[in-house]
Amino acid sequence: MKILNFIPNFFTLANLFVGCVAVVYGVMGDLNTLAILVSIGLVCDFFDGFFARLLKVDSDIGVQLDSLSDLVTFGLTSSIVMMHLIKNSTFIIENSSVFYANQIPVIAFLITLASSYRLAKFNIGDKNLEFSGLPTPANAIFIVFLPFFIEKFEFLILFKNIYFLIFIVLLSSYMLISNYPMMSLKLKNLNFNQNKILLIILLISLTLLIIYGVASLPIIIIIYILVNFIRLVF
C-alpha cells in the first residue's frame, strides 16, 4: 500500500528530473530538446495529480514537491527560452560588443521569479475548479513553443524586436501573479452545457494542432487567456 502511495510522488520527481535535464539542454541552446522534455514534464504533471486523486493520497509533501518541480520544469525553462530569444533579437546582435546590451537577456528570469510567487500563492490558497492567474504549465506551453511558432511564421519580424520580447516577459510575469480567474481545462462532468466553453476551446485547439502542429500551441494559450477575459466581462 505504501508503494501505491508513492506513485504520485514518483511522477512529481520524474517531472523534476526531466525539468533539470531540460534546463541543461536549454543552456546549451538546444531548445527543441528542451521543448520535448518539458512536454514529458507536462505528462508527468498530469499523472501525479491524477494518481493522487485516484488513490486519495494527497499529502503536504506532495503539494510542495509538485510546486518545486513545476518551478524548474515550467518556470526556469521558460526563462531560458526567452533569454535565448532576446539574445537573438536584432538589437542584441547589433550591439554584441556593448557590455550593458549583453546583460539585457537576464530580464527573462523575471518569469522564474513570478512562477515561484505564483506557485507559493497556489500552495496556501483555496483549491477549487478555477485558477487565480495563469497556471505555470500553461505559461510554459506558450513560451517554450514560441520558437516553433516563430519558425513557422518567420515573416513576423516582431519577434526580432527586443522591446516586444521584453513586453512578452513582463506580460507573462504579470499574468502568472495576477488574480484573474482562469478556468480549469478539466471536464467537470459529461454535461455539454456545463462544459461547452471548454469543449469549444478543445475543438479549436485540435483543429489548430492538425493544421499547424506544435507551432499552434502559443496561439492556443492566447485563445485560452482571451476566453477567460471574455468570461470576466460577460
Foldseek 3Di string as FASTA:
>chain_A
DVVLLCVLVVLLVLLLVLLVVLLVCLVVVNLVSSLVSLVSSVVSLVVSVVSCVVVVNDDLVSLVSNLVSLLRSQQVSLLSLLLVLLCQAPVCVVPVVPPVSNVVSNLSNLSSVLSNLLSVCVSPDDDDQKGFFDHSSLLSLQRSLQVVLCVVVVVPSVSSHNVVSSVSSVVSSCRSNHRQIAGHLDDPDPDCVVCVVSVVLVVVVVVCCVVRNSSCSNVSSVVSVVVSVVVVVD
